[in-house]
Amino acid sequence: MFNVFKFQSSMNNYRFFILSRLFFACFGFIGAQQVYAQSTPPAGKGKFTPIAQWYDDKGVAINAHGGGVLFKDNVYYWFGEHKVAGSAGNTSQVGVHCYSSTNLYDWKDEGIALPMSDDERSDIVKGCVLERPKVIYNAKTKKYVMWFHLELKGKGYSAARTGLAISDKPTGPYRYIRSYRPNAGKMPFYPKGTPDSDRVNATIVKEQDKFFMRDFAGGQMARDMTLFVDDDGKAYHIFSSEENYTLHVAELNADYTAHTGKFSRVYIGQQTEAPAIFKRNGIYYMIGSGCTGWAPNAARLFRAKSIFGPWEYLGNPCIGPNKELTYGGQSTYVLNVNGKKNALIFMADKWEPKNAIDGRYIWLPITFTGDDVKVVWKDSWDLGDLGK
């Protein structure tokens, strides 16, 4: 893969990323808020049908984009961005929606877990951009902890913050705490085997490290993200940073409410976003995407023996028609079904920036041949297909 290190080229690519999102936001059409494919069978038939519309217990299309799933006390909780009709849906007008299920097919609407504020002084005022919310449970504090990517209202994608909210219940309400750029004034952790070319030299700054050093004092950019709780209870925040050129894997504190300052950089300078991580047989895997605005591109698979790396790039794990575009979607989360070995679901979003509410979900089983990982397209499938 071509490695872009020239600064001017970097800025041009970044401008393309921003302009592509602004284009869709400005020229999207305004559609009716409840436009659904009524010919598609509703949820509850014991099947997953990727891209087809998916309905909740009220017969309304599920509205949980860029989401993740928490499994607690034998219940699955799906959190995601609630989008509205038209291009306005590319900003946050409502909040984070929550649904619950005991079987993953049928979902109950639990309402808005984190509502947007009417207070213009709030970071999460209506019209901000809140993306990819994820929730984890802290057994020590007995709190449900939500992290998300936050862009301040009217600032485009320049704020690049991470936001935090907590709740006493999985369904909320969640109380907004703060937003910030993580790991201010901290240098990366270098796992054993890190080449000198991937180490930051603050005295002689390499092209690939310019964004990192630019943001060193104030904190690193934090955009597309996910959360991961390891077997030992430690939690990690994985996010796209450095103008989306480099992923960061950052350790959270014991309460899951702040960063410890320990983090590593992954796939430096290669423009990776939309991280989704899982662990199998002691090995960490991560699926992400390239950076092409709202348009789909080929998925990227990585593997590491330690969560801090070094991470090995393995190529595109998708098999099937339209695999070069991740079946028209972009990764958001990998769901481990009931904690069972090899029972893993790849979750992705098919974005519709012209009418954001009509975005669809792509859930597919992750398959294994030895340590080889694949995401194979299926028109329809069920939980019995997992682990095959």
Protein backbone atom coordinates (compact mmCIF):
# COMPACT_ATOMS: atom_id res chain seq x y z
CA MET A 1 0.00 0.00 0.00
CA PHE A 2 1.30 3.47 -0.93
CA ASN A 3 2.64 5.31 2.14
CA VAL A 4 1.96 9.07 2.04
CA PHE A 5 4.50 11.06 3.99
CA LYS A 6 4.74 14.32 2.06
CA PHE A 7 3.10 17.04 4.13
CA GLN A 8 1.47 18.84 1.23
CA SER A 9 0.04 15.56 -0.03
CA SER A 10 -1.20 14.83 3.48
CA MET A 11 -3.03 18.12 3.66
CA ASN A 12 -4.58 17.56 0.23
CA ASN A 13 -5.90 14.15 1.31
CA TYR A 14 -7.29 15.63 4.51
CA ARG A 15 -9.00 18.43 2.59
CA PHE A 16 -10.58 15.75 0.34
CA PHE A 17 -11.90 13.95 3.46
CA ILE A 18 -13.49 17.14 4.83
CA LEU A 19 -14.82 18.37 1.48
CA SER A 20 -16.40 15.01 0.69
CA ARG A 21 -18.38 15.14 3.92
CA LEU A 22 -19.33 18.79 3.38
CA PHE A 23 -20.47 17.98 -0.17
CA PHE A 24 -22.89 15.31 1.01
CA ALA A 25 -24.06 17.50 3.88
CA CYS A 26 -24.78 20.46 1.57
CA PHE A 27 -26.32 18.65 -1.39
CA GLY A 28 -28.20 15.83 0.28
CA PHE A 29 -31.90 15.63 -0.38
CA ILE A 30 -34.52 15.98 2.32
CA GLY A 31 -36.51 12.80 2.58
CA ALA A 32 -39.42 11.82 4.75
CA GLN A 33 -38.27 10.70 8.20
CA GLN A 34 -40.06 7.40 8.07
CA VAL A 35 -39.29 6.10 4.54
CA TYR A 36 -38.81 2.35 4.82
CA ALA A 37 -38.85 -0.63 2.49
CA GLN A 38 -42.15 -2.10 3.57
CA SER A 39 -41.62 -5.12 1.34
CA THR A 40 -38.77 -6.28 3.59
CA PRO A 41 -39.85 -8.73 6.31
CA PRO A 42 -39.58 -7.22 9.82
CA ALA A 43 -37.12 -8.40 12.45
CA GLY A 44 -38.04 -11.40 14.53
CA LYS A 45 -37.93 -14.10 11.87
CA GLY A 46 -34.79 -15.70 13.24
CA LYS A 47 -32.61 -14.47 10.38
CA PHE A 48 -30.11 -11.71 9.72
CA THR A 49 -30.52 -10.07 6.31
CA PRO A 50 -27.68 -7.61 5.65
CA ILE A 51 -28.68 -4.19 4.24
CA ALA A 52 -32.42 -4.98 4.44
CA GLN A 53 -34.40 -2.69 6.73
CA TRP A 54 -34.54 -3.89 10.34
CA TYR A 55 -37.53 -3.08 12.57
CA ASP A 56 -37.88 -2.84 16.34
CA ASP A 57 -40.75 -4.06 18.55
CA LYS A 58 -42.82 -1.03 17.57
CA GLY A 59 -42.48 -1.67 13.85
CA VAL A 60 -40.13 1.30 13.43
CA ALA A 61 -36.78 0.99 11.63
CA ILE A 62 -33.92 0.57 14.10
CA ASN A 63 -32.01 3.85 14.43
CA ALA A 64 -28.61 3.01 15.94
CA HIS A 65 -25.91 3.88 13.42
CA GLY A 66 -22.17 3.60 14.02
CA GLY A 67 -23.05 1.52 17.04
CA GLY A 68 -21.79 -1.14 19.38
CA VAL A 69 -23.34 -3.82 21.58
CA LEU A 70 -23.00 -4.42 25.32
CA PHE A 71 -23.89 -7.86 26.74
CA LYS A 72 -24.94 -7.72 30.40
CA ASP A 73 -27.03 -10.12 32.50
CA ASN A 74 -28.05 -12.14 29.43
CA VAL A 75 -29.33 -9.07 27.59
CA TYR A 76 -27.77 -7.37 24.57
CA TYR A 77 -27.87 -3.58 24.43
CA TRP A 78 -27.32 -1.94 21.06
CA PHE A 79 -26.26 1.72 21.19
CA GLY A 80 -25.92 3.93 18.13
CA GLU A 81 -26.42 7.33 16.56
CA HIS A 82 -30.05 8.33 16.14
CA LYS A 83 -30.25 9.96 12.72
CA VAL A 84 -32.96 12.14 11.21
CA ALA A 85 -34.03 12.58 7.59
CA GLY A 86 -31.99 14.37 4.96
CA SER A 87 -28.46 15.68 5.20
CA ALA A 88 -29.32 17.20 8.60
CA GLY A 89 -29.01 13.62 9.87
CA ASN A 90 -25.24 13.88 9.46
CA THR A 91 -25.28 16.06 12.57
CA SER A 92 -26.65 15.00 15.96
CA GLN A 93 -30.20 16.26 16.45
CA VAL A 94 -31.56 13.67 18.90
CA GLY A 95 -28.88 11.63 20.67
CA VAL A 96 -27.71 8.08 21.30
CA HIS A 97 -30.46 5.49 20.84
CA CYS A 98 -30.58 2.24 22.82
CA TYR A 99 -32.27 -1.08 21.98
CA SER A 100 -32.31 -4.34 23.94
CA SER A 101 -32.58 -7.99 22.89
CA THR A 102 -32.20 -11.47 24.31
CA ASN A 103 -31.70 -13.20 20.95
CA LEU A 104 -30.10 -10.56 18.64
CA TYR A 105 -32.93 -10.88 16.11
CA ASP A 106 -35.72 -9.02 17.92
CA TRP A 107 -35.01 -5.59 19.41
CA LYS A 108 -36.97 -3.55 21.94
CA ASP A 109 -36.80 0.23 21.71
CA GLU A 110 -35.38 1.49 25.02
CA GLY A 111 -35.41 5.14 23.96
CA ILE A 112 -32.70 7.79 23.88
CA ALA A 113 -29.93 6.89 26.32
CA LEU A 114 -28.02 10.16 25.91
CA PRO A 115 -30.07 13.08 24.59
CA MET A 116 -28.58 16.09 22.87
CA SER A 117 -28.77 19.33 24.85
CA ASP A 118 -30.75 22.48 24.08
CA ASP A 119 -28.08 24.55 25.85
CA GLU A 120 -25.85 26.23 23.27
CA ARG A 121 -23.03 26.26 25.82
CA SER A 122 -22.98 22.47 25.99
CA ASP A 123 -20.48 20.42 23.98
CA ILE A 124 -23.33 18.10 23.01
CA VAL A 125 -25.82 20.75 21.93
CA LYS A 126 -28.14 19.79 19.08
CA GLY A 127 -26.24 20.22 15.83
CA CYS A 128 -22.93 18.90 17.08
CA VAL A 129 -21.57 15.69 15.56
CA LEU A 130 -21.63 12.71 17.91
CA GLU A 131 -20.46 9.49 16.28
CA ARG A 132 -19.75 5.83 17.06
CA PRO A 133 -20.93 5.63 20.70
CA LYS A 134 -19.76 2.55 22.60
CA VAL A 135 -20.68 1.42 26.14
CA ILE A 136 -18.77 -0.81 28.56
CA TYR A 137 -19.59 -1.86 32.13
CA ASN A 138 -17.21 -1.23 35.01
CA ALA A 139 -17.58 -3.96 37.63
CA LYS A 140 -15.64 -1.95 40.22
CA THR A 141 -17.80 1.19 40.11
CA LYS A 142 -20.94 -0.57 38.83
CA LYS A 143 -21.27 2.18 36.26
CA TYR A 144 -22.04 1.99 32.56
CA VAL A 145 -19.46 4.05 30.70
CA MET A 146 -20.05 5.54 27.26
CA TRP A 147 -17.35 7.00 25.03
CA PHE A 148 -17.92 8.60 21.64
CA HIS A 149 -16.32 10.75 18.94
CA LEU A 150 -17.43 14.37 19.27
CA GLU A 151 -17.21 17.33 16.92
CA LEU A 152 -18.34 20.71 18.25
CA LYS A 153 -21.28 22.44 16.62
CA GLY A 154 -20.29 24.62 13.69
CA LYS A 155 -16.66 23.46 13.73
CA GLY A 156 -16.84 20.83 11.01
CA TYR A 157 -14.45 18.00 11.87
CA SER A 158 -11.74 20.19 13.41
CA ALA A 159 -12.42 19.56 17.13
CA ALA A 160 -11.70 15.81 16.92
CA ARG A 161 -12.52 15.13 20.57
CA THR A 162 -13.54 12.11 22.57
CA GLY A 163 -16.59 12.42 24.81
CA LEU A 164 -17.59 10.66 28.03
CA ALA A 165 -20.95 9.93 29.68
CA ILE A 166 -21.91 7.56 32.52
CA SER A 167 -25.06 5.91 33.86
CA ASP A 168 -26.25 3.65 36.65
CA LYS A 169 -28.35 1.62 34.21
CA PRO A 170 -27.50 0.18 30.79
CA THR A 171 -30.41 1.94 29.10
CA GLY A 172 -29.61 5.28 30.71
CA PRO A 173 -30.14 8.10 31.13
CA TYR A 174 -26.43 8.80 30.65
CA ARG A 175 -24.94 11.92 32.19
CA TYR A 176 -22.52 13.81 30.00
CA ILE A 177 -19.19 14.40 31.78
CA ARG A 178 -16.73 16.08 29.42
CA SER A 179 -14.93 16.00 26.07
CA TYR A 180 -11.26 16.44 25.31
CA ARG A 181 -8.31 15.33 23.22
CA PRO A 182 -6.53 12.46 24.98
CA ASN A 183 -2.96 11.93 26.09
CA ALA A 184 -1.79 15.54 26.06
CA GLY A 185 1.98 15.81 26.55
CA LYS A 186 2.49 12.05 26.34
CA MET A 187 4.83 10.15 24.03
CA PRO A 188 3.81 6.75 22.64
CA PHE A 189 4.54 3.44 24.27
CA TYR A 190 6.77 1.32 22.06
CA PRO A 191 6.13 -2.44 22.24
CA LYS A 192 9.02 -4.81 21.76
CA GLY A 193 9.88 -5.03 18.09
CA THR A 194 8.96 -1.44 17.20
CA PRO A 195 11.34 -0.32 14.41
CA ASP A 196 13.23 2.95 14.76
CA SER A 197 11.29 4.27 11.77
CA ASP A 198 8.09 4.13 13.85
CA ARG A 199 9.52 5.96 16.87
CA VAL A 200 8.86 9.67 17.32
CA ASN A 201 11.89 11.94 17.33
CA ALA A 202 10.81 15.25 18.87
CA THR A 203 14.05 16.92 17.79
CA ILE A 204 14.09 15.90 14.16
CA VAL A 205 10.41 15.49 13.26
CA LYS A 206 9.69 13.10 10.40
CA GLU A 207 6.90 13.83 7.93
CA GLN A 208 4.81 10.96 9.32
CA ASP A 209 5.01 12.45 12.82
CA LYS A 210 4.16 16.07 12.02
CA PHE A 211 0.51 15.86 13.06
CA PHE A 212 1.43 13.96 16.22
CA MET A 213 3.95 16.60 17.28
CA ARG A 214 1.64 19.44 16.27
CA ASP A 215 -0.97 18.14 18.74
CA PHE A 216 1.48 16.88 21.38
CA ALA A 217 0.88 19.61 23.97
CA GLY A 218 -2.89 19.92 23.60
CA GLY A 219 -3.79 16.27 23.13
CA GLN A 220 -4.19 13.94 20.20
CA MET A 221 -7.10 14.01 17.76
CA ALA A 222 -9.73 11.32 18.44
CA ARG A 223 -12.25 10.51 15.71
CA ASP A 224 -13.66 7.08 14.66
CA MET A 225 -13.42 4.84 17.70
CA THR A 226 -14.28 1.69 19.56
CA LEU A 227 -13.82 0.28 23.07
CA PHE A 228 -12.41 -3.05 24.18
CA VAL A 229 -12.34 -4.73 27.61
CA ASP A 230 -9.64 -7.38 27.89
CA ASP A 231 -9.74 -10.63 29.86
CA ASP A 232 -8.02 -8.96 32.83
CA GLY A 233 -10.64 -6.22 33.05
CA LYS A 234 -8.47 -3.50 31.57
CA ALA A 235 -10.21 -1.30 29.02
CA TYR A 236 -8.87 0.37 25.90
CA HIS A 237 -9.98 3.20 23.66
CA ILE A 238 -8.98 2.65 20.02
CA PHE A 239 -9.38 5.66 17.74
CA SER A 240 -8.33 7.29 14.50
CA SER A 241 -5.91 10.14 15.18
CA GLU A 242 -3.39 12.47 13.53
CA GLU A 243 -5.80 13.75 10.85
CA ASN A 244 -6.96 10.13 10.42
CA TYR A 245 -3.49 9.03 9.30
CA THR A 246 -2.70 6.83 12.31
CA LEU A 247 -4.66 4.71 14.78
CA HIS A 248 -4.03 4.99 18.52
CA VAL A 249 -4.60 2.18 21.04
CA ALA A 250 -4.95 3.91 24.41
CA GLU A 251 -5.34 2.45 27.89
CA LEU A 252 -8.17 3.68 30.13
CA ASN A 253 -7.92 3.99 33.91
CA ALA A 254 -9.47 1.52 36.38
CA ASP A 255 -12.79 3.39 36.34
CA TYR A 256 -12.82 3.56 32.51
CA THR A 257 -13.37 7.33 32.78
CA ALA A 258 -9.96 8.72 31.73
CA HIS A 259 -6.80 7.87 29.82
CA THR A 260 -3.70 6.69 31.65
CA GLY A 261 -1.26 8.20 29.16
CA LYS A 262 -0.12 4.81 27.87
CA PHE A 263 -0.85 4.33 24.17
CA SER A 264 0.68 3.04 20.96
CA ARG A 265 0.44 4.12 17.33
CA VAL A 266 -0.76 1.65 14.70
CA TYR A 267 -0.20 1.59 10.92
CA ILE A 268 1.45 4.99 10.94
CA GLY A 269 0.65 7.32 8.05
CA GLN A 270 -1.67 4.89 6.28
CA GLN A 271 -5.07 6.56 6.83
CA THR A 272 -7.11 3.99 8.76
CA GLU A 273 -10.43 4.62 10.50
CA ALA A 274 -13.53 2.72 11.70
CA PRO A 275 -11.66 0.33 14.07
CA ALA A 276 -13.39 -2.78 15.42
CA ILE A 277 -11.40 -5.13 17.67
CA PHE A 278 -11.72 -8.66 19.06
CA LYS A 279 -9.56 -11.33 20.68
CA ARG A 280 -9.32 -15.02 19.84
CA ASN A 281 -6.95 -17.68 21.21
CA GLY A 282 -4.86 -14.99 22.88
CA ILE A 283 -4.41 -13.04 19.64
CA TYR A 284 -5.85 -9.58 19.03
CA TYR A 285 -7.52 -8.77 15.72
CA MET A 286 -8.71 -5.45 14.39
CA ILE A 287 -10.80 -4.61 11.33
CA GLY A 288 -10.80 -1.07 9.96
CA SER A 289 -11.20 0.84 6.72
CA GLY A 290 -9.43 3.37 4.57
CA CYS A 291 -10.43 7.05 4.56
CA THR A 292 -12.76 7.98 1.69
CA GLY A 293 -15.34 10.16 3.41
CA TRP A 294 -18.80 8.57 3.41
CA ALA A 295 -17.92 6.33 0.45
CA PRO A 296 -17.06 2.66 1.15
CA ASN A 297 -13.64 1.13 0.55
CA ALA A 298 -11.82 -2.15 1.22
CA ALA A 299 -11.72 -3.39 4.81
CA ARG A 300 -8.36 -3.82 6.53
CA LEU A 301 -7.45 -6.64 8.90
CA PHE A 302 -4.68 -6.44 11.50
CA ARG A 303 -3.29 -8.92 14.04
CA ALA A 304 -1.11 -8.59 17.15
CA LYS A 305 0.07 -10.69 20.10
CA SER A 306 -0.20 -7.67 22.40
CA ILE A 307 -2.93 -5.04 22.28
CA PHE A 308 -0.23 -2.36 22.00
CA GLY A 309 1.32 -4.17 19.05
CA PRO A 310 3.24 -4.38 16.94
CA TRP A 311 0.25 -4.87 14.66
CA GLU A 312 0.60 -6.81 11.43
CA TYR A 313 -1.44 -5.75 8.40
CA LEU A 314 -3.12 -8.77 6.75
CA GLY A 315 -5.12 -7.23 3.90
CA ASN A 316 -8.84 -7.38 3.16
CA PRO A 317 -10.76 -10.10 5.09
CA CYS A 318 -13.92 -9.85 2.97
CA ILE A 319 -14.94 -12.65 0.60
CA GLY A 320 -17.84 -12.25 -1.80
CA PRO A 321 -19.44 -9.83 -4.27
CA ASN A 322 -18.46 -6.19 -3.74
CA LYS A 323 -15.75 -7.26 -1.30
CA GLU A 324 -13.51 -4.40 -2.47
CA LEU A 325 -16.05 -2.01 -0.94
CA THR A 326 -16.80 -4.05 2.20
CA TYR A 327 -20.19 -4.89 0.66
CA GLY A 328 -21.03 -1.18 0.58
CA GLY A 329 -20.43 -0.69 4.30
CA GLN A 330 -17.86 0.35 6.88
CA SER A 331 -16.86 -1.47 10.07
CA THR A 332 -18.19 -0.27 13.41
CA TYR A 333 -17.93 -3.17 15.91
CA VAL A 334 -17.23 -6.88 16.38
CA LEU A 335 -19.78 -8.57 18.65
CA ASN A 336 -18.76 -11.64 20.65
CA VAL A 337 -22.05 -13.50 21.04
CA ASN A 338 -22.57 -14.43 24.69
CA GLY A 339 -18.80 -14.64 25.14
CA LYS A 340 -18.66 -17.91 23.21
CA LYS A 341 -15.50 -18.95 21.39
CA ASN A 342 -15.59 -18.26 17.65
CA ALA A 343 -19.09 -16.74 17.89
CA LEU A 344 -18.24 -13.36 16.42
CA ILE A 345 -20.33 -10.98 14.33
CA PHE A 346 -18.86 -8.29 12.09
CA MET A 347 -21.03 -5.17 12.35
CA ALA A 348 -20.89 -2.47 9.67
CA ASP A 349 -22.90 0.51 8.48
CA LYS A 350 -24.03 1.31 4.96
CA TRP A 351 -24.07 5.10 5.12
CA GLU A 352 -26.67 7.20 3.29
CA PRO A 353 -25.44 10.80 3.72
CA LYS A 354 -28.12 12.28 1.46
CA ASN A 355 -30.81 10.82 3.72
CA ALA A 356 -29.00 9.74 6.85
CA ILE A 357 -31.93 8.01 8.52
CA ASP A 358 -32.02 5.46 5.70
CA GLY A 359 -28.55 4.09 6.51
CA ARG A 360 -28.57 0.30 6.83
CA TYR A 361 -26.77 -2.36 8.87
CA ILE A 362 -24.53 -5.15 7.65
CA TRP A 363 -24.10 -7.97 10.17
CA LEU A 364 -22.09 -10.97 8.98
CA PRO A 365 -20.48 -13.97 10.69
CA ILE A 366 -16.71 -13.97 11.08
CA THR A 367 -15.26 -17.32 10.00
CA PHE A 368 -11.96 -18.97 10.85
CA THR A 369 -9.64 -21.44 9.20
CA GLY A 370 -6.90 -21.89 11.74
CA ASP A 371 -5.82 -18.33 12.46
CA ASP A 372 -7.10 -17.11 9.10
CA VAL A 373 -10.00 -14.65 9.52
CA LYS A 374 -12.64 -14.00 6.88
CA VAL A 375 -15.87 -12.01 6.60
CA VAL A 376 -17.94 -13.84 3.98
CA TRP A 377 -21.03 -12.30 2.41
CA LYS A 378 -24.35 -14.06 3.06
CA ASP A 379 -27.72 -12.88 1.77
CA SER A 380 -29.32 -14.39 4.85
CA TRP A 381 -27.96 -16.24 7.88
CA ASP A 382 -28.61 -17.15 11.50
CA LEU A 383 -26.66 -17.73 14.71
CA GLY A 384 -26.15 -21.36 13.74
CA ASP A 385 -23.70 -20.15 11.09
CA LEU A 386 -21.29 -18.80 13.71
CA GLY A 387 -18.10 -20.72 14.32
CA LYS A 388 -18.26 -22.59 11.03
